[in-house]
Amino acid sequence: MGAKEQEQTGPKKRFYDPLSVTWLEKHDEVVSKIWKKIPYNVGRAIATIATFLVGISINGDWINLYVHVKKQFGYISSSNSLSNVSLEDLRLQNFWTYWIPSCVISYSIYFGVGGFLHWYYYVRQRDRAEEWKCQPKKWLSPDLERHEIILGSFTLLLNLTVSAILACYLGNGGWSMVYYKLDEYGWFWLFLQFPVVYIILDFETYWIHRIYHFPFLYKHFHKLHHKYKQPTAFSVTAIHPVEAINIQCLLILPLFSLPLHWFSFYIIAIYNYYHGIIDHSGINFKAYWWQPWQPDAIFHDNHHQYFHVNFGFNLTIWDKIFSTHRQKDRFYREDTFYGKGKLLNEITEAELQEEIEERESENPLAYRENENENKLTEEELKKLKKK
């Protein structure tokens, strides 16, 4: 079944489906009555906190925060000795005491808080999609909603297992370069590591993401994530298990290669997880004034809509350096690899018409100046049609 057949073109009435998020609509009337009693600012604060919680749950990293806090206050030894690490002793004793709570809490947040977020936007405001949705005329079908939740749930199990292994290892005194005394490596490094970790993690993420868009890896692994051309918050974990483990192992690498205070690393990690939810939400979130480096949600939504472009997440600089950012005079589709696209004056008339419709389906309110910067003007269209 093609992508066009899989997506809904508007907020039509849907049937109850226990394996997709459509079941939330059944309880919308009751929940809405309760929600109307909550002050507007309080409601927004609840939604923001819920997004942070889902962000922590997608990799099960709350269990690592728990371990580091205990080590910070002396409840667990913070020995960094390598002498006790061997094939016979992997520091994984009592693993189940980490894994089981990690499963319970991560899945509770994923379905409970994630379900709330979906209701808050996709159910409660479904009839006003043009006000908040990046692609207001297009929706994931119930089948794809079901698919992303089933796949995301399985990937979450792998993610939280890796996090539980790491937490168990560190909790049992395993070696890492994490430290706990604030001044152990000097105050200058304590503050400098915030931007350093942020840049390292984003650079790693850009390249691993871009590499998974090379033809072989895309077709065999990453294509699974791109089934969701109109992503939702549940899409963030809906990736191939091999890719998920690959990414998670890469992202924890700084803990074993740089002297880092646990607090600085996880502040950046949580920030990244939060924006991972935002970027996949399909909602026209824009960066705050104090985030001049942060792209708006439409940046990654464009990536899902146009496939091989905009590979970065929390910085646009890498795409600009390597010329993989979306450009107005380019045509991007699933079979145009490497982030370069095709020039508009090189495509067929049918492709041009398809491109016009695709661009018009974007919400201008998702862009910084509330104007679709990639929409073709009448003059530009005349030149293209005369070629």
Protein backbone atom coordinates (compact mmCIF):
# COMPACT_ATOMS: atom_id res chain seq x y z
CA MET A 1 0.00 0.00 0.00
CA GLY A 2 1.43 3.41 -1.00
CA ALA A 3 1.94 6.37 1.31
CA LYS A 4 -0.97 8.26 -0.18
CA GLU A 5 -3.30 5.34 0.51
CA GLN A 6 -2.06 5.03 4.10
CA GLU A 7 -2.66 8.58 5.22
CA GLN A 8 -5.93 10.24 6.04
CA THR A 9 -6.62 13.60 4.45
CA GLY A 10 -8.70 15.09 7.23
CA PRO A 11 -10.20 14.70 10.68
CA LYS A 12 -12.83 12.12 9.75
CA LYS A 13 -14.80 10.16 12.31
CA ARG A 14 -12.93 6.96 13.15
CA PHE A 15 -13.94 3.65 14.68
CA TYR A 16 -12.82 2.38 18.07
CA ASP A 17 -9.50 0.55 17.78
CA PRO A 18 -7.90 -0.83 20.98
CA LEU A 19 -4.46 -1.04 19.37
CA SER A 20 -4.31 2.55 18.16
CA VAL A 21 -4.73 5.88 19.91
CA THR A 22 -8.25 6.27 18.51
CA TRP A 23 -9.59 4.77 21.75
CA LEU A 24 -8.85 8.12 23.42
CA GLU A 25 -11.70 9.67 21.46
CA LYS A 26 -14.15 7.45 23.34
CA HIS A 27 -13.33 9.27 26.58
CA ASP A 28 -12.83 12.74 25.12
CA GLU A 29 -16.11 14.19 26.39
CA VAL A 30 -15.46 13.21 30.00
CA VAL A 31 -11.81 14.27 30.00
CA SER A 32 -12.64 17.57 28.28
CA LYS A 33 -15.16 18.48 30.99
CA ILE A 34 -12.51 17.96 33.65
CA TRP A 35 -9.87 19.78 31.64
CA LYS A 36 -12.03 22.89 31.18
CA LYS A 37 -11.93 23.42 34.95
CA ILE A 38 -8.13 23.72 34.91
CA PRO A 39 -6.72 27.26 34.40
CA TYR A 40 -5.12 27.78 30.98
CA ASN A 41 -1.56 28.41 32.25
CA VAL A 42 -1.75 25.43 34.59
CA GLY A 43 -2.88 23.26 31.68
CA ARG A 44 0.04 24.38 29.54
CA ALA A 45 2.44 23.67 32.40
CA ILE A 46 0.98 20.17 32.80
CA ALA A 47 1.40 19.51 29.07
CA THR A 48 5.04 20.71 29.18
CA ILE A 49 5.86 18.54 32.19
CA ALA A 50 4.15 15.59 30.52
CA THR A 51 6.37 16.07 27.46
CA PHE A 52 9.50 16.02 29.65
CA LEU A 53 8.31 12.84 31.34
CA VAL A 54 7.71 11.09 28.04
CA GLY A 55 11.15 12.28 26.93
CA ILE A 56 12.77 10.59 29.94
CA SER A 57 10.78 7.41 29.34
CA ILE A 58 11.67 6.87 25.67
CA ASN A 59 15.14 5.57 26.57
CA GLY A 60 14.35 4.50 30.12
CA ASP A 61 16.93 6.98 31.35
CA TRP A 62 15.07 7.84 34.52
CA ILE A 63 16.70 4.73 36.06
CA ASN A 64 20.15 6.18 35.35
CA LEU A 65 19.15 9.48 36.94
CA TYR A 66 18.07 7.51 40.01
CA VAL A 67 21.45 5.77 40.24
CA HIS A 68 23.48 8.96 39.76
CA VAL A 69 21.49 10.82 42.43
CA LYS A 70 22.14 7.96 44.88
CA LYS A 71 25.84 8.03 44.05
CA GLN A 72 25.92 11.82 44.37
CA PHE A 73 24.70 11.63 47.94
CA GLY A 74 26.86 8.68 48.93
CA TYR A 75 24.31 5.87 48.95
CA ILE A 76 26.34 3.97 46.31
CA SER A 77 30.11 3.81 45.97
CA SER A 78 31.40 5.87 43.03
CA SER A 79 34.58 3.83 42.57
CA ASN A 80 36.02 4.10 39.09
CA SER A 81 38.53 1.25 39.39
CA LEU A 82 38.96 -1.01 36.39
CA SER A 83 40.53 -3.78 38.44
CA ASN A 84 37.25 -5.49 39.31
CA VAL A 85 35.78 -5.51 35.80
CA SER A 86 36.24 -8.81 33.98
CA LEU A 87 34.29 -11.34 31.94
CA GLU A 88 33.48 -13.15 35.17
CA ASP A 89 32.20 -10.07 36.94
CA LEU A 90 30.33 -7.61 34.70
CA ARG A 91 28.88 -5.66 37.63
CA LEU A 92 25.38 -6.77 36.71
CA GLN A 93 24.34 -8.38 39.96
CA ASN A 94 20.73 -7.67 40.96
CA PHE A 95 19.96 -6.67 37.38
CA TRP A 96 16.26 -7.52 37.74
CA THR A 97 15.87 -4.97 40.54
CA TYR A 98 16.74 -2.33 37.93
CA TRP A 99 15.02 -3.82 34.88
CA ILE A 100 11.58 -4.55 36.36
CA PRO A 101 11.02 -1.05 37.84
CA SER A 102 12.39 0.40 34.60
CA CYS A 103 9.76 -1.54 32.61
CA VAL A 104 6.88 -0.61 34.90
CA ILE A 105 7.64 3.10 35.11
CA SER A 106 8.74 3.58 31.48
CA TYR A 107 5.64 1.89 30.04
CA SER A 108 3.37 3.69 32.49
CA ILE A 109 4.77 7.03 31.34
CA TYR A 110 4.79 6.02 27.67
CA PHE A 111 1.13 4.99 27.58
CA GLY A 112 -0.27 7.13 30.39
CA VAL A 113 1.45 10.46 29.82
CA GLY A 114 1.91 9.81 26.09
CA GLY A 115 -1.80 9.11 25.82
CA PHE A 116 -2.53 12.37 27.62
CA LEU A 117 -0.36 14.32 25.20
CA HIS A 118 -2.10 12.71 22.23
CA TRP A 119 -5.49 13.61 23.68
CA TYR A 120 -4.35 17.16 24.49
CA TYR A 121 -3.54 17.90 20.85
CA TYR A 122 -4.81 15.22 18.45
CA VAL A 123 -8.22 14.61 20.04
CA ARG A 124 -9.05 17.79 21.93
CA GLN A 125 -8.03 20.11 19.05
CA ARG A 126 -8.59 17.80 16.08
CA ASP A 127 -11.21 20.00 14.48
CA ARG A 128 -8.85 23.01 14.59
CA ALA A 129 -5.84 21.34 12.97
CA GLU A 130 -5.03 24.38 10.84
CA GLU A 131 -4.19 26.24 14.07
CA TRP A 132 -1.57 23.82 15.42
CA LYS A 133 -0.67 20.94 13.09
CA CYS A 134 2.37 21.08 10.77
CA GLN A 135 0.47 19.14 8.09
CA PRO A 136 -3.16 20.01 8.93
CA LYS A 137 -4.68 18.30 5.87
CA LYS A 138 -2.99 14.93 6.41
CA TRP A 139 -3.15 12.42 9.28
CA LEU A 140 -1.72 9.02 10.03
CA SER A 141 -4.22 6.25 9.38
CA PRO A 142 -5.38 4.11 12.33
CA ASP A 143 -3.27 1.27 10.90
CA LEU A 144 -0.13 3.40 11.07
CA GLU A 145 -1.04 4.66 14.53
CA ARG A 146 -1.30 1.04 15.62
CA HIS A 147 1.97 0.23 13.88
CA GLU A 148 3.92 3.04 15.56
CA ILE A 149 2.66 2.09 19.02
CA ILE A 150 3.43 -1.62 18.61
CA LEU A 151 6.88 -0.95 17.13
CA GLY A 152 7.55 1.86 19.59
CA SER A 153 6.60 -0.36 22.53
CA PHE A 154 9.04 -3.05 21.43
CA THR A 155 11.83 -0.52 20.82
CA LEU A 156 11.12 1.01 24.23
CA LEU A 157 11.71 -2.42 25.77
CA LEU A 158 15.15 -2.57 24.13
CA ASN A 159 15.96 1.01 25.12
CA LEU A 160 15.00 0.58 28.76
CA THR A 161 16.91 -2.71 28.89
CA VAL A 162 20.10 -0.98 27.70
CA SER A 163 19.49 1.79 30.25
CA ALA A 164 18.87 -0.76 33.01
CA ILE A 165 22.13 -2.56 32.12
CA LEU A 166 24.01 0.75 32.29
CA ALA A 167 22.32 1.74 35.56
CA CYS A 168 23.01 -1.68 37.10
CA TYR A 169 26.63 -1.60 35.98
CA LEU A 170 27.24 1.89 37.40
CA GLY A 171 25.19 1.14 40.51
CA ASN A 172 27.47 -1.80 41.25
CA GLY A 173 30.58 0.36 41.00
CA GLY A 174 31.37 -0.19 37.33
CA TRP A 175 33.94 2.04 35.68
CA SER A 176 33.04 5.21 33.80
CA MET A 177 34.44 8.72 33.53
CA VAL A 178 31.45 10.19 35.38
CA TYR A 179 32.36 12.18 38.49
CA TYR A 180 30.36 13.57 41.41
CA LYS A 181 32.43 16.26 43.15
CA LEU A 182 31.55 19.52 41.44
CA ASP A 183 35.12 20.91 41.50
CA GLU A 184 36.92 17.65 40.73
CA TYR A 185 37.96 18.83 37.26
CA GLY A 186 37.67 22.54 37.97
CA TRP A 187 34.75 24.94 37.81
CA PHE A 188 35.61 26.10 34.30
CA TRP A 189 35.21 22.58 32.88
CA LEU A 190 32.03 22.05 34.91
CA PHE A 191 30.31 24.85 33.00
CA LEU A 192 32.11 24.33 29.70
CA GLN A 193 30.94 20.71 29.46
CA PHE A 194 27.33 21.83 28.95
CA PRO A 195 27.94 23.25 25.45
CA VAL A 196 30.62 20.62 24.74
CA VAL A 197 28.28 17.70 25.50
CA TYR A 198 25.44 19.40 23.63
CA ILE A 199 27.55 19.84 20.48
CA ILE A 200 29.08 16.34 20.66
CA LEU A 201 25.72 14.62 21.07
CA ASP A 202 24.15 16.65 18.29
CA PHE A 203 27.06 16.03 15.92
CA GLU A 204 26.88 12.29 16.66
CA THR A 205 23.12 12.29 16.11
CA TYR A 206 23.41 14.17 12.82
CA TRP A 207 25.90 11.70 11.39
CA ILE A 208 24.29 8.49 12.63
CA HIS A 209 20.98 9.77 11.27
CA ARG A 210 22.50 10.77 7.96
CA ILE A 211 24.35 7.45 7.63
CA TYR A 212 21.08 5.58 8.16
CA HIS A 213 19.79 7.52 5.16
CA PHE A 214 22.38 5.96 2.86
CA PRO A 215 20.48 3.71 0.41
CA PHE A 216 21.33 0.29 1.88
CA LEU A 217 20.80 1.23 5.56
CA TYR A 218 17.71 3.27 4.74
CA LYS A 219 15.99 0.48 2.80
CA HIS A 220 16.81 -2.21 5.38
CA PHE A 221 16.47 -0.26 8.64
CA HIS A 222 15.53 3.44 8.73
CA LYS A 223 12.72 3.20 6.16
CA LEU A 224 10.62 1.67 8.94
CA HIS A 225 10.64 4.99 10.81
CA HIS A 226 9.66 6.88 7.67
CA LYS A 227 6.37 5.04 7.35
CA TYR A 228 5.11 7.96 9.45
CA LYS A 229 5.04 10.82 6.98
CA GLN A 230 2.91 12.78 9.44
CA PRO A 231 4.75 11.91 12.69
CA THR A 232 3.23 12.02 16.18
CA ALA A 233 4.87 11.87 19.61
CA PHE A 234 4.56 8.07 19.50
CA SER A 235 6.72 8.01 16.35
CA VAL A 236 9.87 8.95 18.26
CA THR A 237 10.48 5.38 19.50
CA ALA A 238 9.06 3.68 16.41
CA ILE A 239 12.38 2.83 14.76
CA HIS A 240 14.14 -0.39 13.79
CA PRO A 241 15.53 -2.23 16.87
CA VAL A 242 19.05 -2.44 15.37
CA GLU A 243 19.08 1.31 14.76
CA ALA A 244 17.65 2.01 18.22
CA ILE A 245 20.41 0.13 20.04
CA ASN A 246 23.04 1.61 17.72
CA ILE A 247 21.89 5.16 18.53
CA GLN A 248 21.58 4.58 22.27
CA CYS A 249 25.06 3.07 22.57
CA LEU A 250 26.50 5.98 20.60
CA LEU A 251 24.76 8.56 22.80
CA ILE A 252 26.14 7.13 26.06
CA LEU A 253 29.69 7.00 24.66
CA PRO A 254 30.69 10.39 26.21
CA LEU A 255 30.18 8.89 29.68
CA PHE A 256 33.15 6.61 28.97
CA SER A 257 35.33 8.96 26.93
CA LEU A 258 35.22 12.33 28.73
CA PRO A 259 35.29 13.33 32.42
CA LEU A 260 31.70 14.50 32.86
CA HIS A 261 29.63 15.40 35.86
CA TRP A 262 26.49 13.29 35.71
CA PHE A 263 24.22 16.32 36.15
CA SER A 264 25.50 18.20 33.09
CA PHE A 265 25.28 15.10 30.87
CA TYR A 266 21.71 14.26 31.83
CA ILE A 267 20.49 17.84 31.71
CA ILE A 268 21.57 17.89 28.06
CA ALA A 269 20.20 14.37 27.47
CA ILE A 270 16.78 15.28 28.91
CA TYR A 271 16.74 18.48 26.84
CA ASN A 272 17.43 16.38 23.74
CA TYR A 273 14.75 13.82 24.65
CA TYR A 274 12.24 16.62 25.21
CA HIS A 275 12.90 18.08 21.78
CA GLY A 276 12.81 14.58 20.30
CA ILE A 277 9.17 14.46 21.39
CA ILE A 278 8.55 18.02 20.15
CA ASP A 279 10.20 17.40 16.78
CA HIS A 280 8.16 14.26 16.13
CA SER A 281 4.91 15.66 17.49
CA GLY A 282 3.62 17.02 14.19
CA ILE A 283 2.70 20.20 16.09
CA ASN A 284 3.91 23.65 15.07
CA PHE A 285 6.08 24.20 18.16
CA LYS A 286 8.58 27.02 17.76
CA ALA A 287 11.80 27.58 19.68
CA TYR A 288 11.69 30.14 22.49
CA TRP A 289 13.56 33.44 22.28
CA TRP A 290 16.35 32.03 24.46
CA GLN A 291 16.95 29.14 22.01
CA PRO A 292 18.39 30.86 18.91
CA TRP A 293 20.22 27.63 18.05
CA GLN A 294 17.12 25.41 18.21
CA PRO A 295 15.19 24.71 14.97
CA ASP A 296 11.41 24.81 15.08
CA ALA A 297 9.46 21.55 14.96
CA ILE A 298 8.69 22.09 11.27
CA PHE A 299 12.39 21.43 10.52
CA HIS A 300 12.13 17.75 11.44
CA ASP A 301 8.53 17.49 10.25
CA ASN A 302 9.89 18.49 6.83
CA HIS A 303 12.35 15.62 7.17
CA HIS A 304 9.48 13.13 7.52
CA GLN A 305 7.47 14.77 4.76
CA TYR A 306 10.37 15.00 2.28
CA PHE A 307 12.56 12.10 3.52
CA HIS A 308 16.27 12.69 2.72
CA VAL A 309 16.84 16.22 3.98
CA ASN A 310 17.21 18.10 7.32
CA PHE A 311 19.13 15.37 9.16
CA GLY A 312 19.97 17.49 12.23
CA PHE A 313 17.94 17.66 15.42
CA ASN A 314 18.87 20.40 17.87
CA LEU A 315 21.20 22.40 15.63
CA THR A 316 20.80 23.33 11.96
CA ILE A 317 24.48 24.13 11.54
CA TRP A 318 25.50 20.63 10.43
CA ASP A 319 22.93 20.56 7.64
CA LYS A 320 24.08 23.99 6.50
CA ILE A 321 27.77 23.04 6.60
CA PHE A 322 27.18 19.86 4.60
CA SER A 323 24.41 21.35 2.39
CA THR A 324 21.76 18.86 3.47
CA HIS A 325 19.21 21.45 4.66
CA ARG A 326 15.99 21.87 2.71
CA GLN A 327 16.31 24.38 -0.12
CA LYS A 328 13.45 26.06 -1.89
CA ASP A 329 14.64 25.25 -5.41
CA ARG A 330 14.97 21.51 -4.71
CA PHE A 331 12.69 18.52 -5.08
CA TYR A 332 13.00 15.83 -2.36
CA ARG A 333 11.41 12.39 -2.35
CA GLU A 334 12.09 8.97 -0.91
CA ASP A 335 14.15 7.93 -3.93
CA THR A 336 16.36 11.07 -3.97
CA PHE A 337 19.14 10.26 -1.50
CA TYR A 338 22.04 12.14 0.15
CA GLY A 339 20.18 15.30 1.16
CA LYS A 340 20.79 17.13 -2.09
CA GLY A 341 17.49 16.69 -3.91
CA LYS A 342 16.85 17.51 -7.57
CA LEU A 343 16.59 20.99 -9.02
CA LEU A 344 12.98 21.98 -9.68
CA ASN A 345 13.79 22.84 -13.29
CA GLU A 346 14.92 19.22 -13.82
CA ILE A 347 11.72 17.48 -12.72
CA THR A 348 8.74 16.44 -14.82
CA GLU A 349 5.48 18.37 -15.01
CA ALA A 350 3.74 15.65 -12.96
CA GLU A 351 6.43 15.87 -10.28
CA LEU A 352 6.11 19.65 -10.23
CA GLN A 353 2.35 19.42 -9.69
CA GLU A 354 2.90 16.88 -6.91
CA GLU A 355 5.49 19.21 -5.33
CA ILE A 356 3.11 22.18 -5.43
CA GLU A 357 0.42 20.16 -3.65
CA GLU A 358 2.93 18.86 -1.10
CA ARG A 359 4.12 22.36 -0.24
CA GLU A 360 0.59 23.71 -0.01
CA SER A 361 -0.25 21.01 2.53
CA GLU A 362 2.23 22.56 4.99
CA ASN A 363 0.93 24.90 7.65
CA PRO A 364 2.35 28.44 7.22
CA LEU A 365 1.83 28.99 10.97
CA ALA A 366 4.56 26.41 11.61
CA TYR A 367 7.19 28.74 10.17
CA ARG A 368 8.92 31.49 12.10
CA GLU A 369 7.18 34.39 10.37
CA ASN A 370 3.88 32.49 9.98
CA GLU A 371 4.56 32.24 6.27
CA ASN A 372 5.59 29.14 4.36
CA GLU A 373 9.08 30.11 3.20
CA ASN A 374 9.12 27.24 0.69
CA LYS A 375 5.85 28.00 -1.06
CA LEU A 376 6.43 28.83 -4.71
CA THR A 377 5.32 32.26 -5.90
CA GLU A 378 3.27 32.77 -9.05
CA GLU A 379 6.33 34.19 -10.81
CA GLU A 380 8.47 31.18 -9.85
CA LEU A 381 5.77 28.80 -11.04
CA LYS A 382 5.48 30.56 -14.41
CA LYS A 383 9.24 30.22 -14.96
CA LEU A 384 9.18 26.54 -14.06
CA LYS A 385 6.22 25.78 -16.33
CA LYS A 386 7.88 27.56 -19.26
CA LYS A 387 11.00 25.41 -19.11
